[in-house]
C-alpha cells in the first residue's frame, strides 16, 4: 500500500461543471444537492477502494464504490474529481482498461475510517438541508 493512502483527502469537488451537467443529462441526479448527497454517502459508506497509480507519475487516484447505491467516487490529489452511477461490472471492465490501455497499477484496499467519518458529517449536513427545503 502506498504511503499516505490512509490520509484524509480534501473534500472539495474539482469535477467541473461538465461532470455535473453530464449527471443531470443522463438523469443520474435530480440537482446539485443530490449529486453531493450521493457523492458523500458513497464515501461515507464505501467498503471498497481501488487505488490506481499511473506508471509514469507519482500521483495516486482513489476510486470509492458503494454497491447499494451503484455510485462511484474518484478522488485525486486535489480532492473529488467526479462521481457517477456505475453498472455492476464497471470495476472489472474499467480496471482492465486502466491497466492495459493507460498503464495504471491498481491496488485494492479499505477506505480510511477518518475519511468515512468526515464524509458522513458532510452527508448529514446535506441531508438535513434537503429535508428542510
C-alpha atoms as a PDB file:
ATOM      1  CA  UNK A   1       0.000   0.000   0.000  1.00  0.00           C
ATOM      2  CA  UNK A   2       1.466   3.402  -0.943  1.00  0.00           C
ATOM      3  CA  UNK A   3       2.480   5.883   1.720  1.00  0.00           C
ATOM      4  CA  UNK A   4      -0.240   8.366   2.659  1.00  0.00           C
ATOM      5  CA  UNK A   5      -3.157   6.314   1.321  1.00  0.00           C
ATOM      6  CA  UNK A   6      -4.923   6.463   4.662  1.00  0.00           C
ATOM      7  CA  UNK A   7      -4.584  10.251   4.886  1.00  0.00           C
ATOM      8  CA  UNK A   8      -7.836  12.166   4.674  1.00  0.00           C
ATOM      9  CA  UNK A   9      -8.480  13.803   1.332  1.00  0.00           C
ATOM     10  CA  UNK A  10      -9.541  17.383   0.776  1.00  0.00           C
ATOM     11  CA  UNK A  11     -13.290  17.057   0.266  1.00  0.00           C
ATOM     12  CA  UNK A  12     -13.670  19.873  -2.234  1.00  0.00           C
ATOM     13  CA  UNK A  13     -15.204  18.863  -5.571  1.00  0.00           C
ATOM     14  CA  UNK A  14     -12.985  19.792  -8.510  1.00  0.00           C
ATOM     15  CA  UNK A  15     -15.074  17.916 -11.072  1.00  0.00           C
ATOM     16  CA  UNK A  16     -16.078  20.999 -13.018  1.00  0.00           C
ATOM     17  CA  UNK A  17     -19.480  21.894 -14.345  1.00  0.00           C
ATOM     18  CA  UNK A  18     -19.218  19.426 -17.253  1.00  0.00           C
ATOM     19  CA  UNK A  19     -19.377  16.418 -14.947  1.00  0.00           C
ATOM     20  CA  UNK A  20     -22.375  17.797 -13.097  1.00  0.00           C
ATOM     21  CA  UNK A  21     -24.185  18.602 -16.357  1.00  0.00           C
ATOM     22  CA  UNK A  22     -23.492  15.076 -17.623  1.00  0.00           C
ATOM     23  CA  UNK A  23     -25.065  13.538 -14.493  1.00  0.00           C
ATOM     24  CA  UNK A  24     -28.109  15.793 -14.946  1.00  0.00           C
ATOM     25  CA  UNK A  25     -28.350  14.978 -18.665  1.00  0.00           C
ATOM     26  CA  UNK A  26     -28.420  11.232 -18.002  1.00  0.00           C
ATOM     27  CA  UNK A  27     -30.836  11.715 -15.088  1.00  0.00           C
ATOM     28  CA  UNK A  28     -28.394  10.182 -12.607  1.00  0.00           C
ATOM     29  CA  UNK A  29     -29.115  13.100 -10.254  1.00  0.00           C
ATOM     30  CA  UNK A  30     -32.038  15.481  -9.806  1.00  0.00           C
ATOM     31  CA  UNK A  31     -29.981  18.548  -8.830  1.00  0.00           C
ATOM     32  CA  UNK A  32     -26.645  19.707  -7.389  1.00  0.00           C
ATOM     33  CA  UNK A  33     -27.591  18.725  -3.846  1.00  0.00           C
ATOM     34  CA  UNK A  34     -28.495  15.209  -4.990  1.00  0.00           C
ATOM     35  CA  UNK A  35     -25.006  14.989  -6.513  1.00  0.00           C
ATOM     36  CA  UNK A  36     -23.430  15.943  -3.182  1.00  0.00           C
ATOM     37  CA  UNK A  37     -25.675  13.552  -1.246  1.00  0.00           C
ATOM     38  CA  UNK A  38     -24.753  10.600  -3.454  1.00  0.00           C
ATOM     39  CA  UNK A  39     -21.072  11.521  -3.505  1.00  0.00           C
ATOM     40  CA  UNK A  40     -20.685  11.843   0.252  1.00  0.00           C
ATOM     41  CA  UNK A  41     -22.925   8.864   1.018  1.00  0.00           C
ATOM     42  CA  UNK A  42     -20.727   6.721  -1.226  1.00  0.00           C
ATOM     43  CA  UNK A  43     -17.591   7.976   0.532  1.00  0.00           C
ATOM     44  CA  UNK A  44     -19.109   7.550   3.997  1.00  0.00           C
ATOM     45  CA  UNK A  45     -20.423   4.036   3.412  1.00  0.00           C
ATOM     46  CA  UNK A  46     -17.999   2.587   0.873  1.00  0.00           C
ATOM     47  CA  UNK A  47     -16.412  -0.706   1.757  1.00  0.00           C
ATOM     48  CA  UNK A  48     -14.165  -0.956  -1.260  1.00  0.00           C
ATOM     49  CA  UNK A  49     -11.471   1.301  -2.630  1.00  0.00           C
ATOM     50  CA  UNK A  50      -9.227   0.768  -5.612  1.00  0.00           C
ATOM     51  CA  UNK A  51      -6.043   2.799  -5.645  1.00  0.00           C
ATOM     52  CA  UNK A  52      -4.551   3.311  -9.081  1.00  0.00           C
ATOM     53  CA  UNK A  53      -1.058   4.590  -9.718  1.00  0.00           C
ATOM     54  CA  UNK A  54      -0.016   5.726 -13.177  1.00  0.00           C
ATOM     55  CA  UNK A  55       3.348   4.157 -14.004  1.00  0.00           C
ATOM     56  CA  UNK A  56       4.682   7.479 -15.256  1.00  0.00           C
ATOM     57  CA  UNK A  57       3.559   9.697 -12.360  1.00  0.00           C
ATOM     58  CA  UNK A  58       3.802   9.886  -8.587  1.00  0.00           C
ATOM     59  CA  UNK A  59       0.138  10.742  -8.019  1.00  0.00           C
ATOM     60  CA  UNK A  60      -2.465   8.246  -6.862  1.00  0.00           C
ATOM     61  CA  UNK A  61      -6.102   8.108  -7.880  1.00  0.00           C
ATOM     62  CA  UNK A  62      -8.575   6.534  -5.486  1.00  0.00           C
ATOM     63  CA  UNK A  63     -11.849   5.012  -6.673  1.00  0.00           C
ATOM     64  CA  UNK A  64     -14.521   4.506  -3.989  1.00  0.00           C
ATOM     65  CA  UNK A  65     -17.608   2.445  -4.723  1.00  0.00           C
ATOM     66  CA  UNK A  66     -20.886   1.970  -2.864  1.00  0.00           C
ATOM     67  CA  UNK A  67     -22.590  -1.099  -4.300  1.00  0.00           C
ATOM     68  CA  UNK A  68     -26.030  -0.442  -2.741  1.00  0.00           C
ATOM     69  CA  UNK A  69     -26.181   2.934  -4.462  1.00  0.00           C
ATOM     70  CA  UNK A  70     -24.206   1.838  -7.562  1.00  0.00           C
ATOM     71  CA  UNK A  71     -22.260   5.053  -7.137  1.00  0.00           C
ATOM     72  CA  UNK A  72     -18.560   5.599  -7.682  1.00  0.00           C
ATOM     73  CA  UNK A  73     -16.406   8.489  -6.427  1.00  0.00           C
ATOM     74  CA  UNK A  74     -12.985   9.243  -7.865  1.00  0.00           C
ATOM     75  CA  UNK A  75     -10.529  11.143  -5.676  1.00  0.00           C
ATOM     76  CA  UNK A  76      -7.272  12.629  -6.878  1.00  0.00           C
ATOM     77  CA  UNK A  77      -4.566  14.658  -5.200  1.00  0.00           C
ATOM     78  CA  UNK A  78      -6.719  17.800  -5.088  1.00  0.00           C
ATOM     79  CA  UNK A  79      -9.916  16.188  -3.799  1.00  0.00           C
ATOM     80  CA  UNK A  80     -13.007  14.838  -5.505  1.00  0.00           C
ATOM     81  CA  UNK A  81     -12.542  14.654  -9.256  1.00  0.00           C
ATOM     82  CA  UNK A  82     -16.006  13.323 -10.080  1.00  0.00           C
ATOM     83  CA  UNK A  83     -18.671  10.861  -9.018  1.00  0.00           C
ATOM     84  CA  UNK A  84     -21.227   8.949 -11.042  1.00  0.00           C
ATOM     85  CA  UNK A  85     -23.554   5.959 -11.232  1.00  0.00           C
ATOM     86  CA  UNK A  86     -21.938   2.753 -12.439  1.00  0.00           C
ATOM     87  CA  UNK A  87     -23.091  -0.634 -13.606  1.00  0.00           C
ATOM     88  CA  UNK A  88     -22.268  -3.745 -11.598  1.00  0.00           C
ATOM     89  CA  UNK A  89     -19.306  -4.902 -13.727  1.00  0.00           C
ATOM     90  CA  UNK A  90     -17.841  -1.415 -14.072  1.00  0.00           C
ATOM     91  CA  UNK A  91     -14.878  -2.134 -11.792  1.00  0.00           C
ATOM     92  CA  UNK A  92     -13.754  -5.216 -13.635  1.00  0.00           C
ATOM     93  CA  UNK A  93     -14.064  -3.636 -17.082  1.00  0.00           C
ATOM     94  CA  UNK A  94     -12.588  -0.290 -16.046  1.00  0.00           C
ATOM     95  CA  UNK A  95      -9.631  -1.744 -14.178  1.00  0.00           C
ATOM     96  CA  UNK A  96      -8.735  -3.807 -17.202  1.00  0.00           C
ATOM     97  CA  UNK A  97      -8.930  -0.686 -19.384  1.00  0.00           C
ATOM     98  CA  UNK A  98      -6.806   1.372 -16.968  1.00  0.00           C
ATOM     99  CA  UNK A  99      -4.228  -1.386 -16.650  1.00  0.00           C
ATOM    100  CA  UNK A 100      -3.899  -2.288 -20.334  1.00  0.00           C
ATOM    101  CA  UNK A 101      -4.528   0.996 -22.147  1.00  0.00           C
ATOM    102  CA  UNK A 102      -3.333   3.619 -19.671  1.00  0.00           C
ATOM    103  CA  UNK A 103      -0.641   1.719 -17.802  1.00  0.00           C
ATOM    104  CA  UNK A 104      -2.126   2.106 -14.308  1.00  0.00           C
ATOM    105  CA  UNK A 105      -1.253  -0.246 -11.483  1.00  0.00           C
ATOM    106  CA  UNK A 106      -4.397  -0.970  -9.394  1.00  0.00           C
ATOM    107  CA  UNK A 107      -4.236  -1.890  -5.704  1.00  0.00           C
ATOM    108  CA  UNK A 108      -7.178  -2.948  -3.550  1.00  0.00           C
ATOM    109  CA  UNK A 109      -7.753  -1.540  -0.115  1.00  0.00           C
ATOM    110  CA  UNK A 110     -10.173  -0.348   2.516  1.00  0.00           C
ATOM    111  CA  UNK A 111     -11.360   3.233   2.886  1.00  0.00           C
ATOM    112  CA  UNK A 112      -9.859   5.280   5.675  1.00  0.00           C
ATOM    113  CA  UNK A 113     -12.158   5.482   8.703  1.00  0.00           C
ATOM    114  CA  UNK A 114     -11.246   9.152   9.082  1.00  0.00           C
ATOM    115  CA  UNK A 115     -12.345   9.836   5.512  1.00  0.00           C
ATOM    116  CA  UNK A 116     -15.593   7.932   6.099  1.00  0.00           C
ATOM    117  CA  UNK A 117     -16.354   9.902   9.286  1.00  0.00           C
ATOM    118  CA  UNK A 118     -15.673  13.243   7.582  1.00  0.00           C
ATOM    119  CA  UNK A 119     -17.791  12.305   4.573  1.00  0.00           C
ATOM    120  CA  UNK A 120     -20.635  11.196   6.863  1.00  0.00           C
ATOM    121  CA  UNK A 121     -20.635  14.580   8.618  1.00  0.00           C
ATOM    122  CA  UNK A 122     -20.901  16.375   5.273  1.00  0.00           C
ATOM    123  CA  UNK A 123     -23.570  13.925   4.074  1.00  0.00           C
ATOM    124  CA  UNK A 124     -25.619  14.519   7.246  1.00  0.00           C
ATOM    125  CA  UNK A 125     -25.488  18.302   6.745  1.00  0.00           C
ATOM    126  CA  UNK A 126     -26.600  17.940   3.105  1.00  0.00           C
ATOM    127  CA  UNK A 127     -29.391  15.537   4.106  1.00  0.00           C
ATOM    128  CA  UNK A 128     -30.701  17.936   6.774  1.00  0.00           C
ATOM    129  CA  UNK A 129     -30.617  20.765   4.246  1.00  0.00           C
ATOM    130  CA  UNK A 130     -32.614  18.608   1.774  1.00  0.00           C
ATOM    131  CA  UNK A 131     -35.200  17.774   4.453  1.00  0.00           C
ATOM    132  CA  UNK A 132     -35.754  21.473   5.205  1.00  0.00           C
ATOM    133  CA  UNK A 133     -36.202  22.504   1.587  1.00  0.00           C
END
